[in-house]
Amino acid sequence: QVSWAPVLDSVATYQVLYGPLPGNSVKVLE
């Protein structure tokens, strides 16, 4: 699980990018 703070009214969306290290295959969650 990934969680973050703070949550702000001025944010439209968060993008969570993740990929194995080392490496360059990155996936994105909106």
All heavy atoms as atom14 arrays in JSON, in Angstrom:
{
  "sequence": "QVSWAPVLDSVATYQVLYGPLPGNSVKVLE",
  "atom14_mask": [
    [1, 1, 1, 1, 1, 1, 1, 1, 1, 0, 0, 0, 0, 0],
    [1, 1, 1, 1, 1, 1, 1, 0, 0, 0, 0, 0, 0, 0],
    [1, 1, 1, 1, 1, 1, 0, 0, 0, 0, 0, 0, 0, 0],
    [1, 1, 1, 1, 1, 1, 1, 1, 1, 1, 1, 1, 1, 1],
    [1, 1, 1, 1, 1, 0, 0, 0, 0, 0, 0, 0, 0, 0],
    [1, 1, 1, 1, 1, 1, 1, 0, 0, 0, 0, 0, 0, 0],
    [1, 1, 1, 1, 1, 1, 1, 0, 0, 0, 0, 0, 0, 0],
    [1, 1, 1, 1, 1, 1, 1, 1, 0, 0, 0, 0, 0, 0],
    [1, 1, 1, 1, 1, 1, 1, 1, 0, 0, 0, 0, 0, 0],
    [1, 1, 1, 1, 1, 1, 0, 0, 0, 0, 0, 0, 0, 0],
    [1, 1, 1, 1, 1, 1, 1, 0, 0, 0, 0, 0, 0, 0],
    [1, 1, 1, 1, 1, 0, 0, 0, 0, 0, 0, 0, 0, 0],
    [1, 1, 1, 1, 1, 1, 1, 0, 0, 0, 0, 0, 0, 0],
    [1, 1, 1, 1, 1, 1, 1, 1, 1, 1, 1, 1, 0, 0],
    [1, 1, 1, 1, 1, 1, 1, 1, 1, 0, 0, 0, 0, 0],
    [1, 1, 1, 1, 1, 1, 1, 0, 0, 0, 0, 0, 0, 0],
    [1, 1, 1, 1, 1, 1, 1, 1, 0, 0, 0, 0, 0, 0],
    [1, 1, 1, 1, 1, 1, 1, 1, 1, 1, 1, 1, 0, 0],
    [1, 1, 1, 1, 0, 0, 0, 0, 0, 0, 0, 0, 0, 0],
    [1, 1, 1, 1, 1, 1, 1, 0, 0, 0, 0, 0, 0, 0],
    [1, 1, 1, 1, 1, 1, 1, 1, 0, 0, 0, 0, 0, 0],
    [1, 1, 1, 1, 1, 1, 1, 0, 0, 0, 0, 0, 0, 0],
    [1, 1, 1, 1, 0, 0, 0, 0, 0, 0, 0, 0, 0, 0],
    [1, 1, 1, 1, 1, 1, 1, 1, 0, 0, 0, 0, 0, 0],
    [1, 1, 1, 1, 1, 1, 0, 0, 0, 0, 0, 0, 0, 0],
    [1, 1, 1, 1, 1, 1, 1, 0, 0, 0, 0, 0, 0, 0],
    [1, 1, 1, 1, 1, 1, 1, 1, 1, 0, 0, 0, 0, 0],
    [1, 1, 1, 1, 1, 1, 1, 0, 0, 0, 0, 0, 0, 0],
    [1, 1, 1, 1, 1, 1, 1, 1, 0, 0, 0, 0, 0, 0],
    [1, 1, 1, 1, 1, 1, 1, 1, 1, 0, 0, 0, 0, 0]
  ],
  "atom14_positions": [
    [[0.85, -1.18, 0.0], [0.0, 0.0, 0.0], [0.88, 1.24, 0.0], [1.9, 1.29, 0.7], [-0.9, 0.01, 1.24], [-1.82, 1.23, 1.24], [-2.9, 1.13, 2.29], [-3.01, 0.14, 2.99], [-3.7, 2.17, 2.4], [0.0, 0.0, 0.0], [0.0, 0.0, 0.0], [0.0, 0.0, 0.0], [0.0, 0.0, 0.0], [0.0, 0.0, 0.0]],
    [[0.49, 2.21, -0.79], [1.18, 3.49, -0.84], [0.21, 4.54, -0.31], [-0.92, 4.63, -0.78], [1.57, 3.87, -2.29], [2.38, 5.15, -2.32], [2.33, 2.74, -2.96], [0.0, 0.0, 0.0], [0.0, 0.0, 0.0], [0.0, 0.0, 0.0], [0.0, 0.0, 0.0], [0.0, 0.0, 0.0], [0.0, 0.0, 0.0], [0.0, 0.0, 0.0]],
    [[0.64, 5.32, 0.66], [-0.21, 6.43, 1.12], [0.63, 7.69, 1.19], [1.86, 7.64, 1.26], [-0.87, 6.11, 2.46], [0.07, 5.6, 3.36], [0.0, 0.0, 0.0], [0.0, 0.0, 0.0], [0.0, 0.0, 0.0], [0.0, 0.0, 0.0], [0.0, 0.0, 0.0], [0.0, 0.0, 0.0], [0.0, 0.0, 0.0], [0.0, 0.0, 0.0]],
    [[-0.03, 8.83, 1.16], [0.7, 10.1, 1.12], [-0.09, 11.17, 1.86], [-1.29, 11.02, 2.12], [0.95, 10.53, -0.33], [-0.29, 10.55, -1.16], [-1.16, 11.58, -1.32], [-0.8, 9.45, -1.95], [-2.18, 11.2, -2.14], [-2.0, 9.91, -2.55], [-0.37, 8.15, -2.2], [-2.76, 9.11, -3.38], [-1.14, 7.35, -3.03], [-2.31, 7.83, -3.61]],
    [[0.62, 12.22, 2.19], [0.02, 13.37, 2.87], [0.79, 14.6, 2.42], [1.92, 14.51, 1.99], [0.15, 13.19, 4.38], [0.0, 0.0, 0.0], [0.0, 0.0, 0.0], [0.0, 0.0, 0.0], [0.0, 0.0, 0.0], [0.0, 0.0, 0.0], [0.0, 0.0, 0.0], [0.0, 0.0, 0.0], [0.0, 0.0, 0.0], [0.0, 0.0, 0.0]],
    [[0.2, 15.78, 2.53], [-1.2, 16.04, 2.85], [-2.09, 15.86, 1.62], [-1.57, 15.75, 0.51], [-1.18, 17.52, 3.26], [-0.09, 18.11, 2.41], [0.95, 17.02, 2.27], [0.0, 0.0, 0.0], [0.0, 0.0, 0.0], [0.0, 0.0, 0.0], [0.0, 0.0, 0.0], [0.0, 0.0, 0.0], [0.0, 0.0, 0.0], [0.0, 0.0, 0.0]],
    [[-3.4, 15.81, 1.85], [-4.36, 15.81, 0.74], [-4.87, 17.23, 0.6], [-5.3, 17.84, 1.58], [-5.51, 14.83, 1.0], [-6.57, 14.96, -0.06], [-4.97, 13.4, 1.03], [0.0, 0.0, 0.0], [0.0, 0.0, 0.0], [0.0, 0.0, 0.0], [0.0, 0.0, 0.0], [0.0, 0.0, 0.0], [0.0, 0.0, 0.0], [0.0, 0.0, 0.0]],
    [[-4.78, 17.79, -0.61], [-5.06, 19.22, -0.81], [-6.2, 19.41, -1.8], [-6.32, 18.67, -2.76], [-3.81, 19.9, -1.36], [-2.59, 19.79, -0.45], [-1.33, 20.08, -1.21], [-2.73, 20.73, 0.72], [0.0, 0.0, 0.0], [0.0, 0.0, 0.0], [0.0, 0.0, 0.0], [0.0, 0.0, 0.0], [0.0, 0.0, 0.0], [0.0, 0.0, 0.0]],
    [[-7.01, 20.44, -1.55], [-8.11, 20.76, -2.47], [-7.6, 21.13, -3.85], [-8.32, 20.98, -4.83], [-8.91, 21.96, -1.93], [-9.68, 21.57, -0.69], [-9.89, 20.37, -0.47], [-10.06, 22.49, 0.06], [0.0, 0.0, 0.0], [0.0, 0.0, 0.0], [0.0, 0.0, 0.0], [0.0, 0.0, 0.0], [0.0, 0.0, 0.0], [0.0, 0.0, 0.0]],
    [[-6.37, 21.64, -3.91], [-5.88, 22.13, -5.2], [-5.38, 21.02, -6.11], [-4.98, 21.27, -7.23], [-4.78, 23.16, -4.98], [-3.8, 22.64, -4.1], [0.0, 0.0, 0.0], [0.0, 0.0, 0.0], [0.0, 0.0, 0.0], [0.0, 0.0, 0.0], [0.0, 0.0, 0.0], [0.0, 0.0, 0.0], [0.0, 0.0, 0.0], [0.0, 0.0, 0.0]],
    [[-5.42, 19.77, -5.63], [-4.94, 18.64, -6.44], [-6.11, 18.01, -7.2], [-7.13, 17.68, -6.61], [-4.26, 17.59, -5.55], [-3.87, 16.37, -6.38], [-3.03, 18.19, -4.88], [0.0, 0.0, 0.0], [0.0, 0.0, 0.0], [0.0, 0.0, 0.0], [0.0, 0.0, 0.0], [0.0, 0.0, 0.0], [0.0, 0.0, 0.0], [0.0, 0.0, 0.0]],
    [[-5.95, 17.86, -8.51], [-6.99, 17.22, -9.32], [-6.85, 15.7, -9.25], [-7.82, 14.99, -8.97], [-6.87, 17.69, -10.76], [0.0, 0.0, 0.0], [0.0, 0.0, 0.0], [0.0, 0.0, 0.0], [0.0, 0.0, 0.0], [0.0, 0.0, 0.0], [0.0, 0.0, 0.0], [0.0, 0.0, 0.0], [0.0, 0.0, 0.0], [0.0, 0.0, 0.0]],
    [[-5.64, 15.2, -9.5], [-5.41, 13.75, -9.41], [-3.99, 13.51, -8.91], [-3.13, 14.39, -9.0], [-5.52, 13.04, -10.79], [-4.64, 13.7, -11.71], [-6.91, 13.04, -11.34], [0.0, 0.0, 0.0], [0.0, 0.0, 0.0], [0.0, 0.0, 0.0], [0.0, 0.0, 0.0], [0.0, 0.0, 0.0], [0.0, 0.0, 0.0], [0.0, 0.0, 0.0]],
    [[-3.79, 12.32, -8.38], [-2.45, 11.85, -8.05], [-2.09, 10.76, -9.05], [-2.94, 9.96, -9.44], [-2.39, 11.26, -6.65], [-2.56, 12.29, -5.55], [-3.8, 12.49, -4.96], [-1.48, 13.05, -5.12], [-3.96, 13.43, -3.94], [-1.63, 13.98, -4.11], [-2.87, 14.17, -3.53], [-3.02, 15.11, -2.54], [0.0, 0.0, 0.0], [0.0, 0.0, 0.0]],
    [[-0.83, 10.74, -9.44], [-0.32, 9.64, -10.25], [0.69, 8.88, -9.41], [1.59, 9.5, -8.84], [0.38, 10.15, -11.51], [-0.56, 10.41, -12.65], [0.18, 10.81, -13.91], [1.37, 11.04, -13.89], [-0.55, 10.91, -15.0], [0.0, 0.0, 0.0], [0.0, 0.0, 0.0], [0.0, 0.0, 0.0], [0.0, 0.0, 0.0], [0.0, 0.0, 0.0]],
    [[0.51, 7.58, -9.33], [1.47, 6.75, -8.62], [2.24, 5.97, -9.68], [1.66, 5.15, -10.4], [0.75, 5.81, -7.64], [1.77, 4.93, -6.92], [-0.06, 6.63, -6.64], [0.0, 0.0, 0.0], [0.0, 0.0, 0.0], [0.0, 0.0, 0.0], [0.0, 0.0, 0.0], [0.0, 0.0, 0.0], [0.0, 0.0, 0.0], [0.0, 0.0, 0.0]],
    [[3.53, 6.25, -9.8], [4.39, 5.55, -10.75], [5.22, 4.56, -9.96], [5.74, 4.89, -8.9], [5.34, 6.51, -11.47], [4.75, 7.41, -12.55], [3.94, 8.52, -11.96], [5.85, 7.97, -13.42], [0.0, 0.0, 0.0], [0.0, 0.0, 0.0], [0.0, 0.0, 0.0], [0.0, 0.0, 0.0], [0.0, 0.0, 0.0], [0.0, 0.0, 0.0]],
    [[5.35, 3.33, -10.48], [6.17, 2.36, -9.76], [6.85, 1.44, -10.76], [6.31, 1.15, -11.83], [5.33, 1.56, -8.76], [4.19, 0.78, -9.38], [4.31, -0.58, -9.66], [2.99, 1.41, -9.7], [3.27, -1.29, -10.23], [1.94, 0.7, -10.28], [2.09, -0.64, -10.55], [1.07, -1.34, -11.13], [0.0, 0.0, 0.0], [0.0, 0.0, 0.0]],
    [[8.04, 1.02, -10.41], [8.79, 0.12, -11.26], [9.92, -0.5, -10.47], [10.4, 0.11, -9.51], [0.0, 0.0, 0.0], [0.0, 0.0, 0.0], [0.0, 0.0, 0.0], [0.0, 0.0, 0.0], [0.0, 0.0, 0.0], [0.0, 0.0, 0.0], [0.0, 0.0, 0.0], [0.0, 0.0, 0.0], [0.0, 0.0, 0.0], [0.0, 0.0, 0.0]],
    [[10.35, -1.7, -10.86], [11.43, -2.37, -10.13], [12.76, -1.66, -10.31], [13.01, -1.05, -11.36], [11.46, -3.78, -10.73], [10.81, -3.65, -12.07], [9.85, -2.5, -11.98], [0.0, 0.0, 0.0], [0.0, 0.0, 0.0], [0.0, 0.0, 0.0], [0.0, 0.0, 0.0], [0.0, 0.0, 0.0], [0.0, 0.0, 0.0], [0.0, 0.0, 0.0]],
    [[13.6, -1.74, -9.28], [14.96, -1.22, -9.35], [15.92, -2.4, -9.42], [15.76, -3.35, -8.68], [15.28, -0.4, -8.09], [14.65, 0.98, -7.98], [14.93, 1.55, -6.6], [15.18, 1.9, -9.05], [0.0, 0.0, 0.0], [0.0, 0.0, 0.0], [0.0, 0.0, 0.0], [0.0, 0.0, 0.0], [0.0, 0.0, 0.0], [0.0, 0.0, 0.0]],
    [[16.97, -2.38, -10.21], [17.14, -1.4, -11.29], [16.21, -1.77, -12.43], [15.74, -2.89, -12.48], [18.6, -1.59, -11.67], [18.89, -3.03, -11.36], [18.02, -3.4, -10.18], [0.0, 0.0, 0.0], [0.0, 0.0, 0.0], [0.0, 0.0, 0.0], [0.0, 0.0, 0.0], [0.0, 0.0, 0.0], [0.0, 0.0, 0.0], [0.0, 0.0, 0.0]],
    [[15.98, -0.88, -13.32], [15.09, -1.19, -14.45], [14.36, 0.06, -14.87], [14.42, 1.07, -14.19], [0.0, 0.0, 0.0], [0.0, 0.0, 0.0], [0.0, 0.0, 0.0], [0.0, 0.0, 0.0], [0.0, 0.0, 0.0], [0.0, 0.0, 0.0], [0.0, 0.0, 0.0], [0.0, 0.0, 0.0], [0.0, 0.0, 0.0], [0.0, 0.0, 0.0]],
    [[13.69, -0.01, -16.01], [13.01, 1.19, -16.5], [11.6, 0.88, -16.94], [11.02, 1.61, -17.71], [13.8, 1.84, -17.64], [14.19, 0.83, -18.69], [13.71, -0.3, -18.68], [15.08, 1.21, -19.59], [0.0, 0.0, 0.0], [0.0, 0.0, 0.0], [0.0, 0.0, 0.0], [0.0, 0.0, 0.0], [0.0, 0.0, 0.0], [0.0, 0.0, 0.0]],
    [[11.04, -0.27, -16.46], [9.64, -0.54, -16.79], [8.79, 0.09, -15.7], [8.85, -0.34, -14.55], [9.4, -2.04, -16.87], [9.62, -2.61, -15.61], [0.0, 0.0, 0.0], [0.0, 0.0, 0.0], [0.0, 0.0, 0.0], [0.0, 0.0, 0.0], [0.0, 0.0, 0.0], [0.0, 0.0, 0.0], [0.0, 0.0, 0.0], [0.0, 0.0, 0.0]],
    [[8.09, 1.13, -16.04], [7.32, 1.88, -15.04], [5.84, 1.75, -15.37], [5.43, 1.88, -16.52], [7.74, 3.36, -15.04], [6.84, 4.16, -14.12], [9.19, 3.49, -14.6], [0.0, 0.0, 0.0], [0.0, 0.0, 0.0], [0.0, 0.0, 0.0], [0.0, 0.0, 0.0], [0.0, 0.0, 0.0], [0.0, 0.0, 0.0], [0.0, 0.0, 0.0]],
    [[5.03, 1.49, -14.34], [3.59, 1.47, -14.5], [3.01, 2.67, -13.77], [3.59, 3.17, -12.81], [3.0, 0.18, -13.94], [3.46, -1.07, -14.7], [2.57, -2.24, -14.35], [2.78, -3.4, -15.3], [3.55, -4.49, -14.7], [0.0, 0.0, 0.0], [0.0, 0.0, 0.0], [0.0, 0.0, 0.0], [0.0, 0.0, 0.0], [0.0, 0.0, 0.0]],
    [[1.83, 3.1, -14.21], [1.2, 4.29, -13.65], [-0.2, 3.95, -13.15], [-0.97, 3.31, -13.86], [1.09, 5.42, -14.71], [0.47, 6.66, -14.08], [2.45, 5.74, -15.29], [0.0, 0.0, 0.0], [0.0, 0.0, 0.0], [0.0, 0.0, 0.0], [0.0, 0.0, 0.0], [0.0, 0.0, 0.0], [0.0, 0.0, 0.0], [0.0, 0.0, 0.0]],
    [[-0.52, 4.42, -11.96], [-1.89, 4.35, -11.43], [-2.41, 5.76, -11.28], [-1.71, 6.61, -10.72], [-1.91, 3.7, -10.04], [-1.76, 2.19, -9.94], [-1.66, 1.82, -8.47], [-2.95, 1.49, -10.57], [0.0, 0.0, 0.0], [0.0, 0.0, 0.0], [0.0, 0.0, 0.0], [0.0, 0.0, 0.0], [0.0, 0.0, 0.0], [0.0, 0.0, 0.0]],
    [[-3.62, 6.03, -11.77], [-4.25, 7.33, -11.56], [-5.16, 7.24, -10.34], [-5.97, 6.31, -10.26], [-5.13, 7.7, -12.77], [-4.34, 8.05, -14.01], [-4.07, 9.54, -14.1], [-4.67, 10.31, -13.34], [-3.22, 9.92, -14.93], [0.0, 0.0, 0.0], [0.0, 0.0, 0.0], [0.0, 0.0, 0.0], [0.0, 0.0, 0.0], [0.0, 0.0, 0.0]]
  ]
}
